[in-house]
Protein backbone atom coordinates (compact mmCIF):
# COMPACT_ATOMS: atom_id res chain seq x y z
CA MET A 1 23.51 14.71 -5.60
CA ASN A 2 23.92 10.81 -6.79
CA LEU A 3 20.76 8.42 -8.01
CA ALA A 4 20.88 6.66 -4.46
CA GLN A 5 20.63 9.99 -2.59
CA VAL A 6 17.52 11.03 -4.83
CA ASP A 7 15.91 7.40 -4.39
CA PHE A 8 16.34 7.45 -0.63
CA GLN A 9 14.98 10.75 -0.41
CA GLN A 10 12.11 9.67 -2.31
CA LEU A 11 11.57 6.90 0.01
CA ARG A 12 12.06 9.15 3.15
CA ILE A 13 9.19 11.33 1.67
CA LYS A 14 6.97 8.50 0.99
CA HIS A 15 7.61 7.18 4.51
CA ILE A 16 6.56 10.55 6.06
CA LEU A 17 3.69 10.75 4.19
CA TYR A 18 2.63 7.20 5.44
CA LYS A 19 2.89 8.22 8.88
CA SER A 20 0.98 11.29 8.01
CA LYS A 21 -1.90 9.08 6.80
CA VAL A 22 -1.79 6.67 9.65
CA ARG A 23 -2.29 9.69 12.10
CA SER A 24 -4.99 11.18 9.89
CA MET A 25 -6.85 8.09 9.73
CA LEU A 26 -6.99 7.65 13.59
CA TYR A 27 -7.96 10.94 14.17
CA GLY A 28 -11.12 10.66 11.88
CA GLY A 29 -9.89 10.69 8.12
CA ALA A 30 -10.68 8.15 5.83
CA PHE A 31 -9.15 4.73 5.67
CA ASP A 32 -7.35 4.51 2.42
CA GLU A 33 -7.19 0.71 1.62
CA ALA A 34 -4.88 0.88 -1.47
CA PHE A 35 -2.53 3.25 0.32
CA PHE A 36 -2.24 0.76 2.98
CA SER A 37 -1.42 -2.21 0.83
CA ARG A 38 1.01 -3.43 -1.62
CA LEU A 39 -0.07 -0.93 -3.80
CA GLY A 40 0.70 1.89 -1.53
CA PRO A 41 3.78 4.23 -2.42
CA VAL A 42 6.18 3.07 -0.06
CA SER A 43 5.58 -0.62 -1.01
CA ILE A 44 5.62 0.21 -4.70
CA TRP A 45 8.98 2.08 -4.05
CA PHE A 46 10.53 -1.40 -2.55
CA THR A 47 9.07 -3.24 -5.66
CA THR A 48 10.19 -0.94 -8.14
CA ILE A 49 13.43 0.67 -7.01
CA GLY A 50 14.52 -0.63 -3.48
CA LEU A 51 14.41 -4.17 -4.18
CA VAL A 52 15.60 -4.02 -7.55
CA ARG A 53 18.62 -1.30 -7.72
CA TYR A 54 19.56 -2.17 -3.99
CA ILE A 55 18.66 -6.00 -3.56
CA ASN A 56 22.27 -6.69 -2.77
CA GLU A 57 22.24 -4.18 0.22
CA SER A 58 21.28 -5.89 3.50
CA GLU A 59 19.79 -2.76 4.83
CA ILE A 60 17.16 -2.78 2.11
CA ARG A 61 15.65 -5.89 2.90
CA GLU A 62 15.38 -4.80 6.57
CA LEU A 63 14.03 -1.33 5.73
CA ALA A 64 11.07 -3.62 3.97
CA LYS A 65 10.60 -5.63 6.76
CA VAL A 66 10.17 -2.88 9.11
CA HIS A 67 7.79 -1.36 6.53
CA GLN A 68 5.74 -4.38 6.63
CA GLU A 69 5.67 -4.56 10.14
CA MET A 70 4.66 -1.06 10.17
CA ASP A 71 1.77 -2.13 7.93
CA SER A 72 0.76 -4.85 10.24
CA ILE A 73 0.78 -2.29 13.22
CA THR A 74 -1.50 0.24 11.13
CA LEU A 75 -4.11 -2.40 10.02
CA ASN A 76 -4.31 -3.50 14.02
CA LEU A 77 -4.76 0.16 14.75
CA TYR A 78 -7.29 0.74 12.15
CA ARG A 79 -9.48 -2.21 13.54
CA LEU A 80 -9.22 -0.82 17.04
CA TYR A 81 -10.27 2.44 15.79
CA LYS A 82 -12.96 0.95 13.57
CA ASN A 83 -14.18 -1.04 16.72
CA GLY A 84 -14.47 1.70 18.91
CA LYS A 85 -11.22 1.33 20.70
CA ILE A 86 -10.05 4.93 20.00
CA ASP A 87 -7.96 5.67 22.84
CA GLU A 88 -6.13 2.11 22.13
CA ALA A 89 -5.72 3.01 18.51
CA HIS A 90 -4.13 6.24 19.62
CA GLU A 91 -1.89 4.95 22.26
CA GLY A 92 -0.75 2.50 19.55
CA LEU A 93 0.51 5.26 17.37
CA ARG A 94 3.77 4.84 19.73
CA ASN A 95 4.50 1.55 18.05
CA VAL A 96 4.08 3.27 14.63
CA GLU A 97 6.55 5.87 15.81
CA LYS A 98 8.97 3.48 17.23
CA GLN A 99 8.83 1.48 13.64
CA SER A 100 9.39 5.05 11.87
CA GLU A 101 12.55 5.67 14.15
CA ARG A 102 14.03 2.31 13.24
CA PHE A 103 13.01 2.53 9.62
CA LEU A 104 14.81 6.08 9.33
CA ALA A 105 17.85 5.02 11.21
CA LEU A 106 18.44 2.20 8.70
CA LEU A 107 17.71 4.26 5.79
CA LEU A 108 20.29 6.73 7.04
CA LEU A 109 22.86 4.23 7.61
CA LEU A 110 22.43 2.75 4.07
CA GLU A 111 22.44 6.38 2.50
CA ASP A 112 25.59 7.18 4.21
CA ARG A 113 27.47 4.03 3.47
CA LEU A 114 26.51 4.40 -0.27
CA LYS A 115 27.33 7.95 -0.24
CA GLU A 116 30.93 7.07 0.43
CA VAL A 117 30.95 4.40 -2.62
């Protein structure tokens, strides 16, 4: 396994953890403000690895953008949940899932392309 594969596997795991934390928060778990900020593991991966080692790869910038969009969606869902609009917040998980599918598809595309190099 080359370095890129290890890096992308780490990102994939962090992304899955992110989705799990979103789901947990919307079903009664605590809101972890640091986790859903620039100090969260996915954001830190981008600033320390993704946008350093892979800055010349167009997909990496798109992945960072998709993650930022997920952060915005997540914060909106948290606001809904906190304001008692729990059903709306739960329905909003579909948007998180759509973004996640987009994120994972981009990640796979990048990973496959860099395997060939």
